[in-house]
Amino acid sequence: MAGWTFSAAWQSSDQVRQHLIQPYAGGDGTVRTIAHTVVREGGCLVLWVVLESASGSRWVECNLMCRGESGWGYRDIQEHLGPTYFSCPTEFLDMASDPPNLLAEKWRCQVRERHTMARAA
């Protein structure tokens, strides 16, 4: 599947999650996960993470996880790309820096609206 990363070494969604929440080298230093959760949405497992760069900038990332033929895999979608998944906890939006673009701003509004509608139902 285009845009997906799979590994035979990942035999469970938990192994993928552990891989994705590890610190990694980014453009301005180490990027670390400050919060994460896994939810089921639309038949997928979604790992939501709040990432923080060495400069203190924070953003939300959506990681879709699924089982492939020989192991598990993921596809990461940063909020500036406007994910089409909306189960992100609103606390994660509150932890993030200002939205990096209009797509991210619109996506955050949609997440908040969906949570509000779910509470009202």
PDB file of N, CA and C in Angstrom:
ATOM      1  N   MET A   1       0.856  -1.186   0.000  1.00  0.00           N
ATOM      2  CA  MET A   1       0.000   0.000   0.000  1.00  0.00           C
ATOM      3  C   MET A   1       0.895   1.241   0.000  1.00  0.00           C
ATOM      4  N   ALA A   2       0.596   2.154  -0.878  1.00  0.00           N
ATOM      5  CA  ALA A   2       1.408   3.362  -1.017  1.00  0.00           C
ATOM      6  C   ALA A   2       1.380   4.198   0.255  1.00  0.00           C
ATOM      7  N   GLY A   3       2.537   4.666   0.667  1.00  0.00           N
ATOM      8  CA  GLY A   3       2.647   5.510   1.849  1.00  0.00           C
ATOM      9  C   GLY A   3       2.703   4.765   3.167  1.00  0.00           C
ATOM     10  N   TRP A   4       2.685   3.449   3.120  1.00  0.00           N
ATOM     11  CA  TRP A   4       2.714   2.634   4.332  1.00  0.00           C
ATOM     12  C   TRP A   4       4.091   2.045   4.543  1.00  0.00           C
ATOM     13  N   THR A   5       4.464   1.842   5.803  1.00  0.00           N
ATOM     14  CA  THR A   5       5.713   1.176   6.175  1.00  0.00           C
ATOM     15  C   THR A   5       5.354  -0.095   6.926  1.00  0.00           C
ATOM     16  N   PHE A   6       5.795  -1.228   6.424  1.00  0.00           N
ATOM     17  CA  PHE A   6       5.544  -2.529   7.054  1.00  0.00           C
ATOM     18  C   PHE A   6       6.864  -3.182   7.433  1.00  0.00           C
ATOM     19  N   SER A   7       6.813  -4.033   8.450  1.00  0.00           N
ATOM     20  CA  SER A   7       7.995  -4.799   8.851  1.00  0.00           C
ATOM     21  C   SER A   7       7.570  -6.159   9.385  1.00  0.00           C
ATOM     22  N   ALA A   8       8.288  -7.186   8.956  1.00  0.00           N
ATOM     23  CA  ALA A   8       8.037  -8.527   9.495  1.00  0.00           C
ATOM     24  C   ALA A   8       8.428  -8.582  10.972  1.00  0.00           C
ATOM     25  N   ALA A   9       9.242  -7.638  11.423  1.00  0.00           N
ATOM     26  CA  ALA A   9       9.654  -7.593  12.835  1.00  0.00           C
ATOM     27  C   ALA A   9       8.510  -7.142  13.746  1.00  0.00           C
ATOM     28  N   TRP A  10       7.504  -6.473  13.175  1.00  0.00           N
ATOM     29  CA  TRP A  10       6.373  -6.002  13.965  1.00  0.00           C
ATOM     30  C   TRP A  10       5.251  -7.017  13.854  1.00  0.00           C
ATOM     31  N   GLN A  11       5.083  -7.831  14.879  1.00  0.00           N
ATOM     32  CA  GLN A  11       4.060  -8.868  14.866  1.00  0.00           C
ATOM     33  C   GLN A  11       2.826  -8.490  15.674  1.00  0.00           C
ATOM     34  N   SER A  12       2.793  -7.251  16.177  1.00  0.00           N
ATOM     35  CA  SER A  12       1.625  -6.764  16.907  1.00  0.00           C
ATOM     36  C   SER A  12       1.536  -5.248  16.758  1.00  0.00           C
ATOM     37  N   SER A  13       0.345  -4.728  16.998  1.00  0.00           N
ATOM     38  CA  SER A  13       0.170  -3.276  16.945  1.00  0.00           C
ATOM     39  C   SER A  13       0.985  -2.604  18.050  1.00  0.00           C
ATOM     40  N   ASP A  14       1.169  -3.297  19.168  1.00  0.00           N
ATOM     41  CA  ASP A  14       1.956  -2.731  20.259  1.00  0.00           C
ATOM     42  C   ASP A  14       3.414  -2.528  19.850  1.00  0.00           C
ATOM     43  N   GLN A  15       3.953  -3.426  19.048  1.00  0.00           N
ATOM     44  CA  GLN A  15       5.332  -3.260  18.581  1.00  0.00           C
ATOM     45  C   GLN A  15       5.453  -2.054  17.656  1.00  0.00           C
ATOM     46  N   VAL A  16       4.448  -1.829  16.826  1.00  0.00           N
ATOM     47  CA  VAL A  16       4.450  -0.638  15.969  1.00  0.00           C
ATOM     48  C   VAL A  16       4.353   0.612  16.844  1.00  0.00           C
ATOM     49  N   ARG A  17       3.452   0.579  17.807  1.00  0.00           N
ATOM     50  CA  ARG A  17       3.295   1.727  18.723  1.00  0.00           C
ATOM     51  C   ARG A  17       4.608   2.046  19.416  1.00  0.00           C
ATOM     52  N   GLN A  18       5.270   1.031  19.939  1.00  0.00           N
ATOM     53  CA  GLN A  18       6.557   1.253  20.623  1.00  0.00           C
ATOM     54  C   GLN A  18       7.574   1.896  19.681  1.00  0.00           C
ATOM     55  N   HIS A  19       7.596   1.442  18.440  1.00  0.00           N
ATOM     56  CA  HIS A  19       8.503   2.025  17.444  1.00  0.00           C
ATOM     57  C   HIS A  19       8.188   3.502  17.215  1.00  0.00           C
ATOM     58  N   LEU A  20       6.896   3.819  17.078  1.00  0.00           N
ATOM     59  CA  LEU A  20       6.490   5.175  16.727  1.00  0.00           C
ATOM     60  C   LEU A  20       6.633   6.190  17.852  1.00  0.00           C
ATOM     61  N   ILE A  21       6.635   5.752  19.092  1.00  0.00           N
ATOM     62  CA  ILE A  21       6.734   6.722  20.192  1.00  0.00           C
ATOM     63  C   ILE A  21       8.174   6.941  20.656  1.00  0.00           C
ATOM     64  N   GLN A  22       9.128   6.264  20.033  1.00  0.00           N
ATOM     65  CA  GLN A  22      10.535   6.458  20.390  1.00  0.00           C
ATOM     66  C   GLN A  22      11.029   7.812  19.881  1.00  0.00           C
ATOM     67  N   PRO A  23      11.920   8.482  20.631  1.00  0.00           N
ATOM     68  CA  PRO A  23      12.516   9.729  20.123  1.00  0.00           C
ATOM     69  C   PRO A  23      13.264   9.468  18.811  1.00  0.00           C
ATOM     70  N   TYR A  24      13.304  10.478  17.951  1.00  0.00           N
ATOM     71  CA  TYR A  24      14.054  10.353  16.694  1.00  0.00           C
ATOM     72  C   TYR A  24      14.686  11.687  16.333  1.00  0.00           C
ATOM     73  N   ALA A  25      15.676  11.644  15.451  1.00  0.00           N
ATOM     74  CA  ALA A  25      16.379  12.858  15.025  1.00  0.00           C
ATOM     75  C   ALA A  25      15.526  13.606  14.020  1.00  0.00           C
ATOM     76  N   GLY A  26      15.239  14.860  14.319  1.00  0.00           N
ATOM     77  CA  GLY A  26      14.477  15.717  13.415  1.00  0.00           C
ATOM     78  C   GLY A  26      15.368  16.809  12.855  1.00  0.00           C
ATOM     79  N   GLY A  27      14.790  17.720  12.102  1.00  0.00           N
ATOM     80  CA  GLY A  27      15.548  18.790  11.467  1.00  0.00           C
ATOM     81  C   GLY A  27      16.255  19.714  12.437  1.00  0.00           C
ATOM     82  N   ASP A  28      15.667  19.947  13.611  1.00  0.00           N
ATOM     83  CA  ASP A  28      16.301  20.848  14.582  1.00  0.00           C
ATOM     84  C   ASP A  28      16.649  20.120  15.875  1.00  0.00           C
ATOM     85  N   GLY A  29      16.958  18.844  15.772  1.00  0.00           N
ATOM     86  CA  GLY A  29      17.339  18.071  16.958  1.00  0.00           C
ATOM     87  C   GLY A  29      16.379  16.920  17.197  1.00  0.00           C
ATOM     88  N   THR A  30      16.380  16.431  18.406  1.00  0.00           N
ATOM     89  CA  THR A  30      15.573  15.267  18.754  1.00  0.00           C
ATOM     90  C   THR A  30      14.095  15.621  18.874  1.00  0.00           C
ATOM     91  N   VAL A  31      13.258  14.774  18.281  1.00  0.00           N
ATOM     92  CA  VAL A  31      11.803  14.896  18.397  1.00  0.00           C
ATOM     93  C   VAL A  31      11.350  13.823  19.365  1.00  0.00           C
ATOM     94  N   ARG A  32      10.539  14.212  20.344  1.00  0.00           N
ATOM     95  CA  ARG A  32      10.079  13.230  21.333  1.00  0.00           C
ATOM     96  C   ARG A  32       8.563  13.259  21.436  1.00  0.00           C
ATOM     97  N   THR A  33       8.014  12.115  21.842  1.00  0.00           N
ATOM     98  CA  THR A  33       6.573  11.986  22.065  1.00  0.00           C
ATOM     99  C   THR A  33       6.266  12.433  23.477  1.00  0.00           C
ATOM    100  N   ILE A  34       5.305  13.351  23.622  1.00  0.00           N
ATOM    101  CA  ILE A  34       4.928  13.795  24.968  1.00  0.00           C
ATOM    102  C   ILE A  34       3.577  13.223  25.412  1.00  0.00           C
ATOM    103  N   ALA A  35       2.797  12.705  24.454  1.00  0.00           N
ATOM    104  CA  ALA A  35       1.522  12.047  24.788  1.00  0.00           C
ATOM    105  C   ALA A  35       1.139  11.147  23.626  1.00  0.00           C
ATOM    106  N   HIS A  36       0.463  10.045  23.953  1.00  0.00           N
ATOM    107  CA  HIS A  36      -0.022   9.159  22.903  1.00  0.00           C
ATOM    108  C   HIS A  36      -1.188   8.318  23.407  1.00  0.00           C
ATOM    109  N   THR A  37      -2.014   7.880  22.468  1.00  0.00           N
ATOM    110  CA  THR A  37      -3.127   6.980  22.772  1.00  0.00           C
ATOM    111  C   THR A  37      -3.502   6.243  21.495  1.00  0.00           C
ATOM    112  N   VAL A  38      -4.065   5.066  21.654  1.00  0.00           N
ATOM    113  CA  VAL A  38      -4.536   4.275  20.511  1.00  0.00           C
ATOM    114  C   VAL A  38      -6.057   4.156  20.603  1.00  0.00           C
ATOM    115  N   VAL A  39      -6.734   4.424  19.492  1.00  0.00           N
ATOM    116  CA  VAL A  39      -8.187   4.283  19.413  1.00  0.00           C
ATOM    117  C   VAL A  39      -8.539   3.530  18.137  1.00  0.00           C
ATOM    118  N   ARG A  40      -9.733   2.991  18.081  1.00  0.00           N
ATOM    119  CA  ARG A  40     -10.235   2.351  16.859  1.00  0.00           C
ATOM    120  C   ARG A  40     -11.173   3.355  16.200  1.00  0.00           C
ATOM    121  N   GLU A  41     -10.925   3.594  14.911  1.00  0.00           N
ATOM    122  CA  GLU A  41     -11.777   4.513  14.162  1.00  0.00           C
ATOM    123  C   GLU A  41     -11.906   4.002  12.734  1.00  0.00           C
ATOM    124  N   GLY A  42     -13.129   3.813  12.291  1.00  0.00           N
ATOM    125  CA  GLY A  42     -13.378   3.411  10.914  1.00  0.00           C
ATOM    126  C   GLY A  42     -12.697   2.113  10.515  1.00  0.00           C
ATOM    127  N   GLY A  43     -12.614   1.164  11.423  1.00  0.00           N
ATOM    128  CA  GLY A  43     -11.993  -0.117  11.105  1.00  0.00           C
ATOM    129  C   GLY A  43     -10.487  -0.132  11.205  1.00  0.00           C
ATOM    130  N   CYS A  44      -9.886   0.993  11.557  1.00  0.00           N
ATOM    131  CA  CYS A  44      -8.428   1.081  11.706  1.00  0.00           C
ATOM    132  C   CYS A  44      -8.068   1.301  13.167  1.00  0.00           C
ATOM    133  N   LEU A  45      -6.848   0.926  13.498  1.00  0.00           N
ATOM    134  CA  LEU A  45      -6.278   1.363  14.766  1.00  0.00           C
ATOM    135  C   LEU A  45      -5.546   2.668  14.473  1.00  0.00           C
ATOM    136  N   VAL A  46      -5.792   3.671  15.294  1.00  0.00           N
ATOM    137  CA  VAL A  46      -5.164   4.971  15.094  1.00  0.00           C
ATOM    138  C   VAL A  46      -4.361   5.310  16.339  1.00  0.00           C
ATOM    139  N   LEU A  47      -3.076   5.543  16.143  1.00  0.00           N
ATOM    140  CA  LEU A  47      -2.201   6.005  17.221  1.00  0.00           C
ATOM    141  C   LEU A  47      -2.088   7.514  17.080  1.00  0.00           C
ATOM    142  N   TRP A  48      -2.614   8.230  18.053  1.00  0.00           N
ATOM    143  CA  TRP A  48      -2.487   9.686  18.093  1.00  0.00           C
ATOM    144  C   TRP A  48      -1.297  10.023  18.964  1.00  0.00           C
ATOM    145  N   VAL A  49      -0.435  10.921  18.492  1.00  0.00           N
ATOM    146  CA  VAL A  49       0.723  11.348  19.279  1.00  0.00           C
ATOM    147  C   VAL A  49       0.842  12.863  19.236  1.00  0.00           C
ATOM    148  N   VAL A  50       1.331  13.415  20.334  1.00  0.00           N
ATOM    149  CA  VAL A  50       1.757  14.808  20.356  1.00  0.00           C
ATOM    150  C   VAL A  50       3.273  14.750  20.386  1.00  0.00           C
ATOM    151  N   LEU A  51       3.886  15.362  19.388  1.00  0.00           N
ATOM    152  CA  LEU A  51       5.338  15.361  19.265  1.00  0.00           C
ATOM    153  C   LEU A  51       5.882  16.736  19.611  1.00  0.00           C
ATOM    154  N   GLU A  52       7.103  16.749  20.140  1.00  0.00           N
ATOM    155  CA  GLU A  52       7.751  18.016  20.497  1.00  0.00           C
ATOM    156  C   GLU A  52       9.162  18.032  19.936  1.00  0.00           C
ATOM    157  N   SER A  53       9.498  19.117  19.230  1.00  0.00           N
ATOM    158  CA  SER A  53      10.839  19.267  18.672  1.00  0.00           C
ATOM    159  C   SER A  53      11.773  19.846  19.733  1.00  0.00           C
ATOM    160  N   ALA A  54      13.045  19.829  19.431  1.00  0.00           N
ATOM    161  CA  ALA A  54      14.042  20.375  20.359  1.00  0.00           C
ATOM    162  C   ALA A  54      13.803  21.868  20.619  1.00  0.00           C
ATOM    163  N   SER A  55      13.201  22.564  19.659  1.00  0.00           N
ATOM    164  CA  SER A  55      12.930  23.998  19.825  1.00  0.00           C
ATOM    165  C   SER A  55      11.661  24.266  20.630  1.00  0.00           C
ATOM    166  N   GLY A  56      10.915  23.188  20.982  1.00  0.00           N
ATOM    167  CA  GLY A  56       9.708  23.347  21.785  1.00  0.00           C
ATOM    168  C   GLY A  56       8.420  23.375  20.993  1.00  0.00           C
ATOM    169  N   SER A  57       8.500  23.342  19.678  1.00  0.00           N
ATOM    170  CA  SER A  57       7.310  23.313  18.850  1.00  0.00           C
ATOM    171  C   SER A  57       6.615  21.962  19.022  1.00  0.00           C
ATOM    172  N   ARG A  58       5.283  21.984  19.125  1.00  0.00           N
ATOM    173  CA  ARG A  58       4.509  20.756  19.317  1.00  0.00           C
ATOM    174  C   ARG A  58       3.444  20.626  18.231  1.00  0.00           C
ATOM    175  N   TRP A  59       3.228  19.389  17.786  1.00  0.00           N
ATOM    176  CA  TRP A  59       2.218  19.129  16.774  1.00  0.00           C
ATOM    177  C   TRP A  59       1.617  17.750  16.990  1.00  0.00           C
ATOM    178  N   VAL A  60       0.471  17.521  16.333  1.00  0.00           N
ATOM    179  CA  VAL A  60      -0.253  16.261  16.449  1.00  0.00           C
ATOM    180  C   VAL A  60       0.021  15.429  15.200  1.00  0.00           C
ATOM    181  N   GLU A  61       0.170  14.132  15.411  1.00  0.00           N
ATOM    182  CA  GLU A  61       0.357  13.214  14.289  1.00  0.00           C
ATOM    183  C   GLU A  61      -0.622  12.057  14.425  1.00  0.00           C
ATOM    184  N   CYS A  62      -1.199  11.679  13.310  1.00  0.00           N
ATOM    185  CA  CYS A  62      -2.124  10.554  13.203  1.00  0.00           C
ATOM    186  C   CYS A  62      -1.361   9.404  12.561  1.00  0.00           C
ATOM    187  N   ASN A  63      -1.310   8.262  13.223  1.00  0.00           N
ATOM    188  CA  ASN A  63      -0.634   7.086  12.682  1.00  0.00           C
ATOM    189  C   ASN A  63      -1.643   5.962  12.532  1.00  0.00           C
ATOM    190  N   LEU A  64      -1.970   5.624  11.289  1.00  0.00           N
ATOM    191  CA  LEU A  64      -2.868   4.502  11.030  1.00  0.00           C
ATOM    192  C   LEU A  64      -2.042   3.229  11.140  1.00  0.00           C
ATOM    193  N   MET A  65      -2.582   2.209  11.786  1.00  0.00           N
ATOM    194  CA  MET A  65      -1.864   0.946  11.949  1.00  0.00           C
ATOM    195  C   MET A  65      -2.739  -0.196  11.467  1.00  0.00           C
ATOM    196  N   CYS A  66      -2.148  -1.108  10.697  1.00  0.00           N
ATOM    197  CA  CYS A  66      -2.891  -2.287  10.254  1.00  0.00           C
ATOM    198  C   CYS A  66      -1.938  -3.451  10.025  1.00  0.00           C
ATOM    199  N   ARG A  67      -2.531  -4.623   9.975  1.00  0.00           N
ATOM    200  CA  ARG A  67      -1.770  -5.850   9.755  1.00  0.00           C
ATOM    201  C   ARG A  67      -1.628  -6.094   8.264  1.00  0.00           C
ATOM    202  N   GLY A  68      -0.412  -6.411   7.831  1.00  0.00           N
ATOM    203  CA  GLY A  68      -0.156  -6.749   6.437  1.00  0.00           C
ATOM    204  C   GLY A  68       0.073  -8.243   6.292  1.00  0.00           C
ATOM    205  N   GLU A  69       0.565  -8.651   5.149  1.00  0.00           N
ATOM    206  CA  GLU A  69       0.784 -10.069   4.882  1.00  0.00           C
ATOM    207  C   GLU A  69       1.843 -10.689   5.786  1.00  0.00           C
ATOM    208  N   SER A  70       2.917  -9.936   6.073  1.00  0.00           N
ATOM    209  CA  SER A  70       4.006 -10.523   6.866  1.00  0.00           C
ATOM    210  C   SER A  70       4.261  -9.810   8.189  1.00  0.00           C
ATOM    211  N   GLY A  71       3.469  -8.837   8.522  1.00  0.00           N
ATOM    212  CA  GLY A  71       3.654  -8.106   9.778  1.00  0.00           C
ATOM    213  C   GLY A  71       2.784  -6.869   9.801  1.00  0.00           C
ATOM    214  N   TRP A  72       2.920  -6.105  10.852  1.00  0.00           N
ATOM    215  CA  TRP A  72       2.142  -4.883  11.009  1.00  0.00           C
ATOM    216  C   TRP A  72       2.842  -3.720  10.326  1.00  0.00           C
ATOM    217  N   GLY A  73       2.075  -2.659  10.068  1.00  0.00           N
ATOM    218  CA  GLY A  73       2.626  -1.471   9.456  1.00  0.00           C
ATOM    219  C   GLY A  73       1.877  -0.230   9.892  1.00  0.00           C
ATOM    220  N   TYR A  74       2.351   0.918   9.409  1.00  0.00           N
ATOM    221  CA  TYR A  74       1.725   2.188   9.757  1.00  0.00           C
ATOM    222  C   TYR A  74       1.840   3.176   8.605  1.00  0.00           C
ATOM    223  N   ARG A  75       0.994   4.173   8.683  1.00  0.00           N
ATOM    224  CA  ARG A  75       1.061   5.323   7.788  1.00  0.00           C
ATOM    225  C   ARG A  75       0.884   6.552   8.657  1.00  0.00           C
ATOM    226  N   ASP A  76       1.864   7.441   8.633  1.00  0.00           N
ATOM    227  CA  ASP A  76       1.780   8.639   9.460  1.00  0.00           C
ATOM    228  C   ASP A  76       1.236   9.814   8.652  1.00  0.00           C
ATOM    229  N   ILE A  77       0.365  10.581   9.314  1.00  0.00           N
ATOM    230  CA  ILE A  77      -0.241  11.756   8.692  1.00  0.00           C
ATOM    231  C   ILE A  77      -0.148  12.902   9.701  1.00  0.00           C
ATOM    232  N   GLN A  78       0.704  13.860   9.430  1.00  0.00           N
ATOM    233  CA  GLN A  78       0.817  15.007  10.332  1.00  0.00           C
ATOM    234  C   GLN A  78      -0.361  15.946  10.123  1.00  0.00           C
ATOM    235  N   GLU A  79      -0.683  16.695  11.167  1.00  0.00           N
ATOM    236  CA  GLU A  79      -1.889  17.515  11.118  1.00  0.00           C
ATOM    237  C   GLU A  79      -1.854  18.579  10.029  1.00  0.00           C
ATOM    238  N   HIS A  80      -0.683  19.032   9.605  1.00  0.00           N
ATOM    239  CA  HIS A  80      -0.643  20.059   8.555  1.00  0.00           C
ATOM    240  C   HIS A  80      -1.118  19.518   7.201  1.00  0.00           C
ATOM    241  N   LEU A  81      -1.271  18.176   7.100  1.00  0.00           N
ATOM    242  CA  LEU A  81      -1.797  17.554   5.884  1.00  0.00           C
ATOM    243  C   LEU A  81      -3.310  17.364   5.937  1.00  0.00           C
ATOM    244  N   GLY A  82      -3.924  17.702   7.068  1.00  0.00           N
ATOM    245  CA  GLY A  82      -5.375  17.605   7.217  1.00  0.00           C
ATOM    246  C   GLY A  82      -5.888  16.179   7.236  1.00  0.00           C
ATOM    247  N   PRO A  83      -5.572  15.416   8.290  1.00  0.00           N
ATOM    248  CA  PRO A  83      -6.051  14.028   8.359  1.00  0.00           C
ATOM    249  C   PRO A  83      -7.571  13.955   8.223  1.00  0.00           C
ATOM    250  N   THR A  84      -8.062  12.813   7.776  1.00  0.00           N
ATOM    251  CA  THR A  84      -9.508  12.612   7.680  1.00  0.00           C
ATOM    252  C   THR A  84      -9.997  11.704   8.805  1.00  0.00           C
ATOM    253  N   TYR A  85      -9.255  11.676   9.886  1.00  0.00           N
ATOM    254  CA  TYR A  85      -9.620  10.937  11.097  1.00  0.00           C
ATOM    255  C   TYR A  85      -9.801  11.985  12.187  1.00  0.00           C
ATOM    256  N   PHE A  86     -10.826  11.780  13.051  1.00  0.00           N
ATOM    257  CA  PHE A  86     -11.203  12.847  13.972  1.00  0.00           C
ATOM    258  C   PHE A  86     -11.311  12.400  15.423  1.00  0.00           C
ATOM    259  N   SER A  87     -10.769  11.243  15.758  1.00  0.00           N
ATOM    260  CA  SER A  87     -10.865  10.717  17.123  1.00  0.00           C
ATOM    261  C   SER A  87      -9.751  11.209  18.040  1.00  0.00           C
ATOM    262  N   CYS A  88      -8.978  12.154  17.586  1.00  0.00           N
ATOM    263  CA  CYS A  88      -7.884  12.703  18.404  1.00  0.00           C
ATOM    264  C   CYS A  88      -8.457  13.309  19.683  1.00  0.00           C
ATOM    265  N   PRO A  89      -7.878  12.975  20.839  1.00  0.00           N
ATOM    266  CA  PRO A  89      -8.357  13.600  22.076  1.00  0.00           C
ATOM    267  C   PRO A  89      -8.171  15.122  22.036  1.00  0.00           C
ATOM    268  N   THR A  90      -9.167  15.855  22.491  1.00  0.00           N
ATOM    269  CA  THR A  90      -9.065  17.316  22.462  1.00  0.00           C
ATOM    270  C   THR A  90      -7.929  17.825  23.347  1.00  0.00           C
ATOM    271  N   GLU A  91      -7.572  17.048  24.384  1.00  0.00           N
ATOM    272  CA  GLU A  91      -6.432  17.459  25.227  1.00  0.00           C
ATOM    273  C   GLU A  91      -5.147  17.522  24.407  1.00  0.00           C
ATOM    274  N   PHE A  92      -5.051  16.663  23.397  1.00  0.00           N
ATOM    275  CA  PHE A  92      -3.860  16.667  22.548  1.00  0.00           C
ATOM    276  C   PHE A  92      -3.793  17.960  21.742  1.00  0.00           C
ATOM    277  N   LEU A  93      -4.941  18.446  21.291  1.00  0.00           N
ATOM    278  CA  LEU A  93      -4.970  19.716  20.560  1.00  0.00           C
ATOM    279  C   LEU A  93      -4.531  20.852  21.466  1.00  0.00           C
ATOM    280  N   ASP A  94      -4.942  20.776  22.741  1.00  0.00           N
ATOM    281  CA  ASP A  94      -4.570  21.809  23.705  1.00  0.00           C
ATOM    282  C   ASP A  94      -3.072  21.805  24.007  1.00  0.00           C
ATOM    283  N   MET A  95      -2.433  20.638  23.915  1.00  0.00           N
ATOM    284  CA  MET A  95      -0.989  20.521  24.175  1.00  0.00           C
ATOM    285  C   MET A  95      -0.152  21.042  23.011  1.00  0.00           C
ATOM    286  N   ALA A  96      -0.718  21.036  21.805  1.00  0.00           N
ATOM    287  CA  ALA A  96       0.036  21.396  20.604  1.00  0.00           C
ATOM    288  C   ALA A  96       0.200  22.912  20.480  1.00  0.00           C
ATOM    289  N   SER A  97       1.234  23.297  19.736  1.00  0.00           N
ATOM    290  CA  SER A  97       1.437  24.709  19.408  1.00  0.00           C
ATOM    291  C   SER A  97       0.312  25.160  18.486  1.00  0.00           C
ATOM    292  N   ASP A  98       0.312  26.432  18.112  1.00  0.00           N
ATOM    293  CA  ASP A  98      -0.703  26.936  17.182  1.00  0.00           C
ATOM    294  C   ASP A  98      -0.678  26.109  15.898  1.00  0.00           C
ATOM    295  N   PRO A  99      -1.829  25.953  15.245  1.00  0.00           N
ATOM    296  CA  PRO A  99      -1.861  25.171  14.004  1.00  0.00           C
ATOM    297  C   PRO A  99      -0.862  25.726  12.979  1.00  0.00           C
ATOM    298  N   PRO A 100      -0.135  24.841  12.291  1.00  0.00           N
ATOM    299  CA  PRO A 100       0.890  25.307  11.352  1.00  0.00           C
ATOM    300  C   PRO A 100       0.343  25.854  10.038  1.00  0.00           C
ATOM    301  N   ASN A 101      -0.924  25.537   9.705  1.00  0.00           N
ATOM    302  CA  ASN A 101      -1.511  26.049   8.463  1.00  0.00           C
ATOM    303  C   ASN A 101      -3.041  25.962   8.552  1.00  0.00           C
ATOM    304  N   LEU A 102      -3.717  26.398   7.490  1.00  0.00           N
ATOM    305  CA  LEU A 102      -5.181  26.403   7.492  1.00  0.00           C
ATOM    306  C   LEU A 102      -5.773  24.998   7.515  1.00  0.00           C
ATOM    307  N   LEU A 103      -5.125  24.034   6.867  1.00  0.00           N
ATOM    308  CA  LEU A 103      -5.621  22.653   6.913  1.00  0.00           C
ATOM    309  C   LEU A 103      -5.632  22.127   8.344  1.00  0.00           C
ATOM    310  N   ALA A 104      -4.570  22.380   9.068  1.00  0.00           N
ATOM    311  CA  ALA A 104      -4.487  21.928  10.463  1.00  0.00           C
ATOM    312  C   ALA A 104      -5.526  22.652  11.319  1.00  0.00           C
ATOM    313  N   GLU A 105      -5.704  23.939  11.081  1.00  0.00           N
ATOM    314  CA  GLU A 105      -6.696  24.709  11.839  1.00  0.00           C
ATOM    315  C   GLU A 105      -8.101  24.159  11.595  1.00  0.00           C
ATOM    316  N   LYS A 106      -8.423  23.888  10.328  1.00  0.00           N
ATOM    317  CA  LYS A 106      -9.730  23.328   9.973  1.00  0.00           C
ATOM    318  C   LYS A 106      -9.903  21.943  10.599  1.00  0.00           C
ATOM    319  N   TRP A 107      -8.856  21.106  10.524  1.00  0.00           N
ATOM    320  CA  TRP A 107      -8.933  19.764  11.086  1.00  0.00           C
ATOM    321  C   TRP A 107      -9.175  19.820  12.599  1.00  0.00           C
ATOM    322  N   ARG A 108      -8.469  20.704  13.301  1.00  0.00           N
ATOM    323  CA  ARG A 108      -8.675  20.831  14.753  1.00  0.00           C
ATOM    324  C   ARG A 108     -10.108  21.238  15.069  1.00  0.00           C
ATOM    325  N   CYS A 109     -10.660  22.156  14.289  1.00  0.00           N
ATOM    326  CA  CYS A 109     -12.061  22.567  14.497  1.00  0.00           C
ATOM    327  C   CYS A 109     -13.001  21.384  14.291  1.00  0.00           C
ATOM    328  N   GLN A 110     -12.744  20.577  13.262  1.00  0.00           N
ATOM    329  CA  GLN A 110     -13.584  19.413  12.998  1.00  0.00           C
ATOM    330  C   GLN A 110     -13.488  18.393  14.133  1.00  0.00           C
ATOM    331  N   VAL A 111     -12.297  18.199  14.679  1.00  0.00           N
ATOM    332  CA  VAL A 111     -12.129  17.274  15.810  1.00  0.00           C
ATOM    333  C   VAL A 111     -12.962  17.765  16.995  1.00  0.00           C
ATOM    334  N   ARG A 112     -12.851  19.050  17.316  1.00  0.00           N
ATOM    335  CA  ARG A 112     -13.606  19.608  18.446  1.00  0.00           C
ATOM    336  C   ARG A 112     -15.117  19.499  18.212  1.00  0.00           C
ATOM    337  N   GLU A 113     -15.560  19.767  16.981  1.00  0.00           N
ATOM    338  CA  GLU A 113     -16.987  19.668  16.660  1.00  0.00           C
ATOM    339  C   GLU A 113     -17.490  18.238  16.833  1.00  0.00           C
ATOM    340  N   ARG A 114     -16.728  17.271  16.367  1.00  0.00           N
ATOM    341  CA  ARG A 114     -17.153  15.863  16.481  1.00  0.00           C
ATOM    342  C   ARG A 114     -17.241  15.434  17.938  1.00  0.00           C
ATOM    343  N   HIS A 115     -16.294  15.884  18.750  1.00  0.00           N
ATOM    344  CA  HIS A 115     -16.344  15.561  20.180  1.00  0.00           C
ATOM    345  C   HIS A 115     -17.559  16.210  20.843  1.00  0.00           C
ATOM    346  N   THR A 116     -17.859  17.443  20.459  1.00  0.00           N
ATOM    347  CA  THR A 116     -19.024  18.139  21.005  1.00  0.00           C
ATOM    348  C   THR A 116     -20.318  17.416  20.608  1.00  0.00           C
ATOM    349  N   MET A 117     -20.409  17.005  19.346  1.00  0.00           N
ATOM    350  CA  MET A 117     -21.608  16.287  18.878  1.00  0.00           C
ATOM    351  C   MET A 117     -21.728  14.936  19.582  1.00  0.00           C
ATOM    352  N   ALA A 118     -20.620  14.249  19.820  1.00  0.00           N
ATOM    353  CA  ALA A 118     -20.661  12.945  20.491  1.00  0.00           C
ATOM    354  C   ALA A 118     -21.136  13.089  21.929  1.00  0.00           C
ATOM    355  N   ARG A 119     -20.711  14.156  22.607  1.00  0.00           N
ATOM    356  CA  ARG A 119     -21.144  14.383  23.994  1.00  0.00           C
ATOM    357  C   ARG A 119     -22.628  14.723  24.038  1.00  0.00           C
ATOM    358  N   ALA A 120     -23.128  15.414  23.007  1.00  0.00           N
ATOM    359  CA  ALA A 120     -24.533  15.820  22.982  1.00  0.00           C
ATOM    360  C   ALA A 120     -25.472  14.663  22.625  1.00  0.00           C
ATOM    361  N   ALA A 121     -24.921  13.648  21.988  1.00  0.00           N
ATOM    362  CA  ALA A 121     -25.765  12.511  21.543  1.00  0.00           C
ATOM    363  C   ALA A 121     -26.188  11.621  22.691  1.00  0.00           C
TER     364      ALA A 121
END
